[in-house]
Amino acid sequence: MATEVQDYYRRILPFYDAELSGRGDEDFWVRMASEPPGCKVLELGAGTGRATELLARKAGRVIATELVPDMIAEARKKVGGLPHVQLLAADMRELKLQARFDLVTAVDDPFVHLTEDEDRDRAFRVAAGHLAPSGRFVLDAAWFPPEDREEAADGLVKEHAAEDGRLCVREIWCCDPVTRLCTTRFEYRRDGELVEQASFPGRLWSVDELEDRARSAGLRISCLWGDYDLRPWDRGSSQRLIAEMRRVG
């Protein structure tokens, strides 16, 4: 799995930041890292450091982990000079740090690449094990509302343009409605010309699975949001599923 994920991100790296430029989550992650004052943050799957920089604006300390060395190199260009930020090349299923954190984040769902139950359980245990007693784990989960899920059984196509107006990203999701296992292809067109395409196997979340994984890791879901403006999650209408989890007891 690790080699496949690394190959995928190496291929899309030139387009990654532009693809996420209009995601609209900037204020959300800054807000998450603002409490408590001096918040200690562990970021799982930091990518190119886009959200790392946002978290670092308010956090007292950020340790950001990423599996793909090429992504870590890009992240260093953004946050390498910040004294309260540390970047680690690490597999989030195997991470063992001595520190405990007020906030553990999984931005833009790196867990989507974990298609096996065992791997998801391991990653959840890592997140839970690094939480301070009053800490929070926030997962921006890969999820489709019912209408999109039905369409994905035959192939759901999503398209959006990057903020520069030149790059167009086309996503094709083919997903089993029962297992939520997907084959996903991303196509990148610049000025109308196909410049790259890459695929990966993924797995969407359900709320039931989130609750089960959280419970197994000694966590409980404390909030479910339907978008980055903190609106409550609604099964029928929300386009996103963002879960905040806390330790039990």
C-alpha atoms as a PDB file:
ATOM      1  CA  MET A   1       0.000   0.000   0.000  1.00  0.00           C
ATOM      2  CA  ALA A   2       2.748   2.473   0.945  1.00  0.00           C
ATOM      3  CA  THR A   3       4.537   2.140  -2.415  1.00  0.00           C
ATOM      4  CA  GLU A   4       1.286   2.619  -4.337  1.00  0.00           C
ATOM      5  CA  VAL A   5       0.385   5.739  -2.347  1.00  0.00           C
ATOM      6  CA  GLN A   6       3.863   7.207  -2.787  1.00  0.00           C
ATOM      7  CA  ASP A   7       3.727   6.661  -6.551  1.00  0.00           C
ATOM      8  CA  TYR A   8       0.301   8.310  -6.766  1.00  0.00           C
ATOM      9  CA  TYR A   9       1.390  11.440  -4.903  1.00  0.00           C
ATOM     10  CA  ARG A  10       4.662  11.727  -6.797  1.00  0.00           C
ATOM     11  CA  ARG A  11       2.673  11.890 -10.013  1.00  0.00           C
ATOM     12  CA  ILE A  12       0.174  14.505  -8.865  1.00  0.00           C
ATOM     13  CA  LEU A  13       2.602  16.582  -6.797  1.00  0.00           C
ATOM     14  CA  PRO A  14       2.991  19.367  -9.412  1.00  0.00           C
ATOM     15  CA  PHE A  15      -0.781  19.998  -9.243  1.00  0.00           C
ATOM     16  CA  TYR A  16      -1.539  19.215  -5.613  1.00  0.00           C
ATOM     17  CA  ASP A  17      -1.538  22.686  -4.082  1.00  0.00           C
ATOM     18  CA  ALA A  18      -3.424  24.222  -6.996  1.00  0.00           C
ATOM     19  CA  GLU A  19      -6.039  21.470  -6.742  1.00  0.00           C
ATOM     20  CA  LEU A  20      -6.720  22.272  -3.071  1.00  0.00           C
ATOM     21  CA  SER A  21      -6.465  26.044  -3.421  1.00  0.00           C
ATOM     22  CA  GLY A  22     -10.241  26.554  -3.387  1.00  0.00           C
ATOM     23  CA  ARG A  23     -11.088  24.018  -0.694  1.00  0.00           C
ATOM     24  CA  GLY A  24     -12.330  26.695   1.695  1.00  0.00           C
ATOM     25  CA  ASP A  25     -11.020  25.078   4.884  1.00  0.00           C
ATOM     26  CA  GLU A  26      -8.423  27.675   5.833  1.00  0.00           C
ATOM     27  CA  ASP A  27     -10.336  29.374   8.673  1.00  0.00           C
ATOM     28  CA  PHE A  28     -11.489  25.996   9.993  1.00  0.00           C
ATOM     29  CA  TRP A  29      -7.984  24.644  10.648  1.00  0.00           C
ATOM     30  CA  VAL A  30      -6.765  27.934  12.095  1.00  0.00           C
ATOM     31  CA  ARG A  31      -9.744  27.815  14.472  1.00  0.00           C
ATOM     32  CA  MET A  32      -9.104  24.194  15.430  1.00  0.00           C
ATOM     33  CA  ALA A  33      -5.536  25.030  16.476  1.00  0.00           C
ATOM     34  CA  SER A  34      -6.508  28.107  18.487  1.00  0.00           C
ATOM     35  CA  GLU A  35      -7.754  26.154  21.531  1.00  0.00           C
ATOM     36  CA  PRO A  36      -6.342  25.743  24.062  1.00  0.00           C
ATOM     37  CA  PRO A  37      -3.824  28.620  23.974  1.00  0.00           C
ATOM     38  CA  GLY A  38      -0.448  27.235  22.924  1.00  0.00           C
ATOM     39  CA  CYS A  39      -2.197  24.202  21.377  1.00  0.00           C
ATOM     40  CA  LYS A  40       0.068  21.226  20.674  1.00  0.00           C
ATOM     41  CA  VAL A  41      -0.865  19.699  17.319  1.00  0.00           C
ATOM     42  CA  LEU A  42      -0.065  16.388  15.643  1.00  0.00           C
ATOM     43  CA  GLU A  43      -0.946  16.353  11.950  1.00  0.00           C
ATOM     44  CA  LEU A  44      -1.297  12.951  10.282  1.00  0.00           C
ATOM     45  CA  GLY A  45      -0.737  13.028   6.521  1.00  0.00           C
ATOM     46  CA  ALA A  46       0.580  16.563   6.130  1.00  0.00           C
ATOM     47  CA  GLY A  47       0.999  16.451   2.356  1.00  0.00           C
ATOM     48  CA  THR A  48       2.827  19.537   1.098  1.00  0.00           C
ATOM     49  CA  GLY A  49       2.294  21.449   4.327  1.00  0.00           C
ATOM     50  CA  ARG A  50      -0.685  23.483   3.130  1.00  0.00           C
ATOM     51  CA  ALA A  51      -2.699  22.863   6.314  1.00  0.00           C
ATOM     52  CA  THR A  52       0.448  22.652   8.434  1.00  0.00           C
ATOM     53  CA  GLU A  53       1.040  26.348   7.793  1.00  0.00           C
ATOM     54  CA  LEU A  54      -2.566  27.107   8.773  1.00  0.00           C
ATOM     55  CA  LEU A  55      -2.317  25.122  12.003  1.00  0.00           C
ATOM     56  CA  ALA A  56       0.998  26.792  12.837  1.00  0.00           C
ATOM     57  CA  ARG A  57      -0.581  30.256  12.814  1.00  0.00           C
ATOM     58  CA  LYS A  58      -2.208  29.595  16.200  1.00  0.00           C
ATOM     59  CA  ALA A  59      -0.564  26.450  17.572  1.00  0.00           C
ATOM     60  CA  GLY A  60       2.247  26.541  20.084  1.00  0.00           C
ATOM     61  CA  ARG A  61       3.782  23.434  18.528  1.00  0.00           C
ATOM     62  CA  VAL A  62       3.078  21.353  15.425  1.00  0.00           C
ATOM     63  CA  ILE A  63       4.504  17.951  14.566  1.00  0.00           C
ATOM     64  CA  ALA A  64       3.448  17.070  11.024  1.00  0.00           C
ATOM     65  CA  THR A  65       3.914  13.558   9.643  1.00  0.00           C
ATOM     66  CA  GLU A  66       3.855  12.460   6.027  1.00  0.00           C
ATOM     67  CA  LEU A  67       4.564   9.132   4.314  1.00  0.00           C
ATOM     68  CA  VAL A  68       5.766  10.477   0.943  1.00  0.00           C
ATOM     69  CA  PRO A  69       9.294  11.987   0.960  1.00  0.00           C
ATOM     70  CA  ASP A  70       8.566  14.216  -2.055  1.00  0.00           C
ATOM     71  CA  MET A  71       5.655  15.787  -0.172  1.00  0.00           C
ATOM     72  CA  ILE A  72       7.817  16.359   2.897  1.00  0.00           C
ATOM     73  CA  ALA A  73      10.330  18.186   0.704  1.00  0.00           C
ATOM     74  CA  GLU A  74       7.578  20.515  -0.522  1.00  0.00           C
ATOM     75  CA  ALA A  75       6.295  21.035   3.014  1.00  0.00           C
ATOM     76  CA  ARG A  76       9.745  22.143   4.138  1.00  0.00           C
ATOM     77  CA  LYS A  77       9.576  24.993   1.626  1.00  0.00           C
ATOM     78  CA  LYS A  78       6.444  26.291   3.382  1.00  0.00           C
ATOM     79  CA  VAL A  79       7.092  25.656   7.065  1.00  0.00           C
ATOM     80  CA  GLY A  80      10.699  24.510   7.375  1.00  0.00           C
ATOM     81  CA  GLY A  81      11.737  27.861   8.784  1.00  0.00           C
ATOM     82  CA  LEU A  82       9.139  27.937  11.555  1.00  0.00           C
ATOM     83  CA  PRO A  83      10.819  27.051  14.861  1.00  0.00           C
ATOM     84  CA  HIS A  84       7.664  25.562  16.405  1.00  0.00           C
ATOM     85  CA  VAL A  85       7.011  23.165  13.480  1.00  0.00           C
ATOM     86  CA  GLN A  86       8.652  19.766  13.026  1.00  0.00           C
ATOM     87  CA  LEU A  87       8.209  17.586   9.936  1.00  0.00           C
ATOM     88  CA  LEU A  88       8.574  13.812  10.175  1.00  0.00           C
ATOM     89  CA  ALA A  89       8.622  11.194   7.434  1.00  0.00           C
ATOM     90  CA  ALA A  90       6.468   8.497   9.039  1.00  0.00           C
ATOM     91  CA  ASP A  91       3.693   5.992   8.447  1.00  0.00           C
ATOM     92  CA  MET A  92       0.683   7.066  10.510  1.00  0.00           C
ATOM     93  CA  ARG A  93      -0.131   3.422  11.257  1.00  0.00           C
ATOM     94  CA  GLU A  94       3.166   2.970  13.093  1.00  0.00           C
ATOM     95  CA  LEU A  95       3.821   6.334  14.727  1.00  0.00           C
ATOM     96  CA  LYS A  96       5.048   6.214  18.356  1.00  0.00           C
ATOM     97  CA  LEU A  97       5.922   9.560  19.915  1.00  0.00           C
ATOM     98  CA  GLN A  98       6.482  10.281  23.590  1.00  0.00           C
ATOM     99  CA  ALA A  99       4.505  13.531  23.443  1.00  0.00           C
ATOM    100  CA  ARG A 100       0.744  13.946  23.848  1.00  0.00           C
ATOM    101  CA  PHE A 101      -1.250  16.520  21.903  1.00  0.00           C
ATOM    102  CA  ASP A 102      -4.224  18.806  22.380  1.00  0.00           C
ATOM    103  CA  LEU A 103      -5.222  18.273  18.740  1.00  0.00           C
ATOM    104  CA  VAL A 104      -4.605  15.444  16.293  1.00  0.00           C
ATOM    105  CA  THR A 105      -5.697  16.213  12.729  1.00  0.00           C
ATOM    106  CA  ALA A 106      -6.259  14.256   9.536  1.00  0.00           C
ATOM    107  CA  VAL A 107      -6.779  16.934   6.863  1.00  0.00           C
ATOM    108  CA  ASP A 108      -8.312  16.003   3.494  1.00  0.00           C
ATOM    109  CA  ASP A 109      -8.579  12.429   4.794  1.00  0.00           C
ATOM    110  CA  PRO A 110      -5.285  10.554   4.407  1.00  0.00           C
ATOM    111  CA  PHE A 111      -7.237   7.610   5.875  1.00  0.00           C
ATOM    112  CA  VAL A 112      -9.009   7.192   2.514  1.00  0.00           C
ATOM    113  CA  HIS A 113      -5.983   5.166   1.361  1.00  0.00           C
ATOM    114  CA  LEU A 114      -6.435   2.675   4.214  1.00  0.00           C
ATOM    115  CA  THR A 115      -8.803   0.160   2.650  1.00  0.00           C
ATOM    116  CA  GLU A 116      -8.256  -2.676   5.153  1.00  0.00           C
ATOM    117  CA  ASP A 117      -9.996  -2.817   8.542  1.00  0.00           C
ATOM    118  CA  GLU A 118      -6.752  -3.606  10.362  1.00  0.00           C
ATOM    119  CA  ASP A 119      -4.975  -0.573   8.902  1.00  0.00           C
ATOM    120  CA  ARG A 120      -7.810   1.754   9.861  1.00  0.00           C
ATOM    121  CA  ASP A 121      -7.872   0.377  13.386  1.00  0.00           C
ATOM    122  CA  ARG A 122      -4.104   0.837  13.696  1.00  0.00           C
ATOM    123  CA  ALA A 123      -4.289   4.452  12.524  1.00  0.00           C
ATOM    124  CA  PHE A 124      -7.154   5.200  14.908  1.00  0.00           C
ATOM    125  CA  ARG A 125      -5.191   3.715  17.794  1.00  0.00           C
ATOM    126  CA  VAL A 126      -2.241   5.933  16.880  1.00  0.00           C
ATOM    127  CA  ALA A 127      -4.471   9.022  16.884  1.00  0.00           C
ATOM    128  CA  ALA A 128      -6.080   8.089  20.199  1.00  0.00           C
ATOM    129  CA  GLY A 129      -2.791   7.117  21.801  1.00  0.00           C
ATOM    130  CA  HIS A 130      -1.267  10.530  21.111  1.00  0.00           C
ATOM    131  CA  LEU A 131      -4.137  12.553  22.578  1.00  0.00           C
ATOM    132  CA  ALA A 132      -3.825  14.456  25.831  1.00  0.00           C
ATOM    133  CA  PRO A 133      -6.649  13.661  28.295  1.00  0.00           C
ATOM    134  CA  SER A 134      -8.776  16.558  27.012  1.00  0.00           C
ATOM    135  CA  GLY A 135      -7.451  16.350  23.450  1.00  0.00           C
ATOM    136  CA  ARG A 136      -9.427  16.232  20.209  1.00  0.00           C
ATOM    137  CA  PHE A 137      -8.988  14.142  17.060  1.00  0.00           C
ATOM    138  CA  VAL A 138     -10.459  15.832  13.979  1.00  0.00           C
ATOM    139  CA  LEU A 139     -10.896  13.757  10.818  1.00  0.00           C
ATOM    140  CA  ASP A 140     -12.002  15.427   7.586  1.00  0.00           C
ATOM    141  CA  ALA A 141     -13.486  12.194   6.274  1.00  0.00           C
ATOM    142  CA  ALA A 142     -13.905  11.016   2.675  1.00  0.00           C
ATOM    143  CA  TRP A 143     -17.684  10.700   2.387  1.00  0.00           C
ATOM    144  CA  PHE A 144     -20.459  11.090  -0.177  1.00  0.00           C
ATOM    145  CA  PRO A 145     -24.077  12.038   0.486  1.00  0.00           C
ATOM    146  CA  PRO A 146     -26.645   9.389  -0.559  1.00  0.00           C
ATOM    147  CA  GLU A 147     -27.256  10.766  -4.056  1.00  0.00           C
ATOM    148  CA  ASP A 148     -23.562  10.853  -4.909  1.00  0.00           C
ATOM    149  CA  ARG A 149     -23.055   7.405  -3.391  1.00  0.00           C
ATOM    150  CA  GLU A 150     -25.702   5.939  -5.676  1.00  0.00           C
ATOM    151  CA  GLU A 151     -24.136   7.595  -8.712  1.00  0.00           C
ATOM    152  CA  ALA A 152     -20.678   6.364  -7.721  1.00  0.00           C
ATOM    153  CA  ALA A 153     -21.870   2.772  -8.177  1.00  0.00           C
ATOM    154  CA  ASP A 154     -21.710   3.422 -11.937  1.00  0.00           C
ATOM    155  CA  GLY A 155     -19.052   6.143 -11.846  1.00  0.00           C
ATOM    156  CA  LEU A 156     -19.359   9.552 -10.206  1.00  0.00           C
ATOM    157  CA  VAL A 157     -17.620  12.369 -12.058  1.00  0.00           C
ATOM    158  CA  LYS A 158     -16.623  15.581 -10.303  1.00  0.00           C
ATOM    159  CA  GLU A 159     -14.874  18.527 -11.902  1.00  0.00           C
ATOM    160  CA  HIS A 160     -13.532  21.770 -10.538  1.00  0.00           C
ATOM    161  CA  ALA A 161     -11.164  24.483 -11.667  1.00  0.00           C
ATOM    162  CA  ALA A 162      -8.216  25.674  -9.619  1.00  0.00           C
ATOM    163  CA  GLU A 163      -8.110  29.286  -8.539  1.00  0.00           C
ATOM    164  CA  ASP A 164      -5.657  30.178 -11.312  1.00  0.00           C
ATOM    165  CA  GLY A 165      -8.357  29.282 -13.846  1.00  0.00           C
ATOM    166  CA  ARG A 166      -5.951  27.278 -15.989  1.00  0.00           C
ATOM    167  CA  LEU A 167      -5.960  23.914 -14.207  1.00  0.00           C
ATOM    168  CA  CYS A 168      -9.069  21.730 -14.320  1.00  0.00           C
ATOM    169  CA  VAL A 169      -9.278  18.649 -12.095  1.00  0.00           C
ATOM    170  CA  ARG A 170     -11.587  15.777 -13.032  1.00  0.00           C
ATOM    171  CA  GLU A 171     -12.308  13.015 -10.488  1.00  0.00           C
ATOM    172  CA  ILE A 172     -13.918   9.681 -11.392  1.00  0.00           C
ATOM    173  CA  TRP A 173     -15.086   7.610  -8.417  1.00  0.00           C
ATOM    174  CA  CYS A 174     -16.323   4.034  -8.950  1.00  0.00           C
ATOM    175  CA  CYS A 175     -17.451   2.677  -5.573  1.00  0.00           C
ATOM    176  CA  ASP A 176     -19.115  -0.434  -4.232  1.00  0.00           C
ATOM    177  CA  PRO A 177     -22.225   0.786  -2.358  1.00  0.00           C
ATOM    178  CA  VAL A 178     -21.889  -1.899   0.338  1.00  0.00           C
ATOM    179  CA  THR A 179     -18.150  -2.000   1.080  1.00  0.00           C
ATOM    180  CA  ARG A 180     -17.555   1.656   0.048  1.00  0.00           C
ATOM    181  CA  LEU A 181     -14.363   0.484  -1.667  1.00  0.00           C
ATOM    182  CA  CYS A 182     -13.545   2.703  -4.623  1.00  0.00           C
ATOM    183  CA  THR A 183     -11.295   2.934  -7.631  1.00  0.00           C
ATOM    184  CA  THR A 184     -10.548   6.596  -8.086  1.00  0.00           C
ATOM    185  CA  ARG A 185      -8.906   8.365 -11.013  1.00  0.00           C
ATOM    186  CA  PHE A 186      -7.809  11.988 -11.080  1.00  0.00           C
ATOM    187  CA  GLU A 187      -7.193  13.764 -14.380  1.00  0.00           C
ATOM    188  CA  TYR A 188      -5.426  17.109 -14.651  1.00  0.00           C
ATOM    189  CA  ARG A 189      -5.914  19.387 -17.633  1.00  0.00           C
ATOM    190  CA  ARG A 190      -4.066  22.645 -18.117  1.00  0.00           C
ATOM    191  CA  ASP A 191      -5.598  25.010 -20.647  1.00  0.00           C
ATOM    192  CA  GLY A 192      -7.711  22.079 -21.836  1.00  0.00           C
ATOM    193  CA  GLU A 193      -4.800  19.687 -22.425  1.00  0.00           C
ATOM    194  CA  LEU A 194      -4.470  16.477 -20.371  1.00  0.00           C
ATOM    195  CA  VAL A 195      -1.141  16.743 -18.552  1.00  0.00           C
ATOM    196  CA  GLU A 196      -1.398  13.945 -15.962  1.00  0.00           C
ATOM    197  CA  GLN A 197      -3.666  11.231 -14.625  1.00  0.00           C
ATOM    198  CA  ALA A 198      -3.289   8.895 -11.675  1.00  0.00           C
ATOM    199  CA  SER A 199      -5.414   6.350  -9.821  1.00  0.00           C
ATOM    200  CA  PHE A 200      -5.623   4.919  -6.338  1.00  0.00           C
ATOM    201  CA  PRO A 201      -7.855   2.467  -4.447  1.00  0.00           C
ATOM    202  CA  GLY A 202      -9.756   4.150  -1.639  1.00  0.00           C
ATOM    203  CA  ARG A 203     -12.471   3.580   0.888  1.00  0.00           C
ATOM    204  CA  LEU A 204     -15.191   6.018   1.892  1.00  0.00           C
ATOM    205  CA  TRP A 205     -16.519   6.364   5.426  1.00  0.00           C
ATOM    206  CA  SER A 206     -19.945   5.871   6.927  1.00  0.00           C
ATOM    207  CA  VAL A 207     -20.940   7.373  10.265  1.00  0.00           C
ATOM    208  CA  ASP A 208     -21.499   3.866  11.623  1.00  0.00           C
ATOM    209  CA  GLU A 209     -17.931   2.896  10.757  1.00  0.00           C
ATOM    210  CA  LEU A 210     -16.566   6.094  12.294  1.00  0.00           C
ATOM    211  CA  GLU A 211     -18.433   5.354  15.516  1.00  0.00           C
ATOM    212  CA  ASP A 212     -17.181   1.755  15.581  1.00  0.00           C
ATOM    213  CA  ARG A 213     -13.539   2.710  14.924  1.00  0.00           C
ATOM    214  CA  ALA A 214     -13.703   5.461  17.518  1.00  0.00           C
ATOM    215  CA  ARG A 215     -15.200   3.141  20.127  1.00  0.00           C
ATOM    216  CA  SER A 216     -12.566   0.478  19.485  1.00  0.00           C
ATOM    217  CA  ALA A 217      -9.821   3.066  19.987  1.00  0.00           C
ATOM    218  CA  GLY A 218     -11.316   4.382  23.225  1.00  0.00           C
ATOM    219  CA  LEU A 219     -12.803   7.478  21.623  1.00  0.00           C
ATOM    220  CA  ARG A 220     -16.267   8.941  21.219  1.00  0.00           C
ATOM    221  CA  ILE A 221     -17.599  11.292  18.556  1.00  0.00           C
ATOM    222  CA  SER A 222     -18.204  14.683  20.185  1.00  0.00           C
ATOM    223  CA  CYS A 223     -19.183  16.669  17.049  1.00  0.00           C
ATOM    224  CA  LEU A 224     -20.156  15.976  13.453  1.00  0.00           C
ATOM    225  CA  TRP A 225     -19.960  18.912  11.056  1.00  0.00           C
ATOM    226  CA  GLY A 226     -21.301  19.096   7.521  1.00  0.00           C
ATOM    227  CA  ASP A 227     -18.877  21.755   6.308  1.00  0.00           C
ATOM    228  CA  TYR A 228     -15.995  23.955   7.380  1.00  0.00           C
ATOM    229  CA  ASP A 229     -18.353  26.620   8.741  1.00  0.00           C
ATOM    230  CA  LEU A 230     -19.228  24.181  11.569  1.00  0.00           C
ATOM    231  CA  ARG A 231     -22.812  23.632  10.451  1.00  0.00           C
ATOM    232  CA  PRO A 232     -24.250  20.397  11.935  1.00  0.00           C
ATOM    233  CA  TRP A 233     -23.876  17.331   9.759  1.00  0.00           C
ATOM    234  CA  ASP A 234     -27.014  16.123   7.955  1.00  0.00           C
ATOM    235  CA  ARG A 235     -27.074  12.687   6.350  1.00  0.00           C
ATOM    236  CA  GLY A 236     -29.199  13.794   3.417  1.00  0.00           C
ATOM    237  CA  SER A 237     -27.791  17.182   2.499  1.00  0.00           C
ATOM    238  CA  SER A 238     -24.240  17.621   3.823  1.00  0.00           C
ATOM    239  CA  GLN A 239     -21.466  17.524   1.256  1.00  0.00           C
ATOM    240  CA  ARG A 240     -18.794  16.835   3.880  1.00  0.00           C
ATOM    241  CA  LEU A 241     -18.374  14.740   7.001  1.00  0.00           C
ATOM    242  CA  ILE A 242     -15.993  16.192   9.577  1.00  0.00           C
ATOM    243  CA  ALA A 243     -15.753  14.325  12.868  1.00  0.00           C
ATOM    244  CA  GLU A 244     -14.333  15.544  16.153  1.00  0.00           C
ATOM    245  CA  MET A 245     -13.507  12.752  18.582  1.00  0.00           C
ATOM    246  CA  ARG A 246     -12.397  12.768  22.213  1.00  0.00           C
ATOM    247  CA  ARG A 247     -11.125  10.183  24.646  1.00  0.00           C
ATOM    248  CA  VAL A 248     -13.724   8.306  26.658  1.00  0.00           C
ATOM    249  CA  GLY A 249     -13.777   9.039  30.377  1.00  0.00           C
END
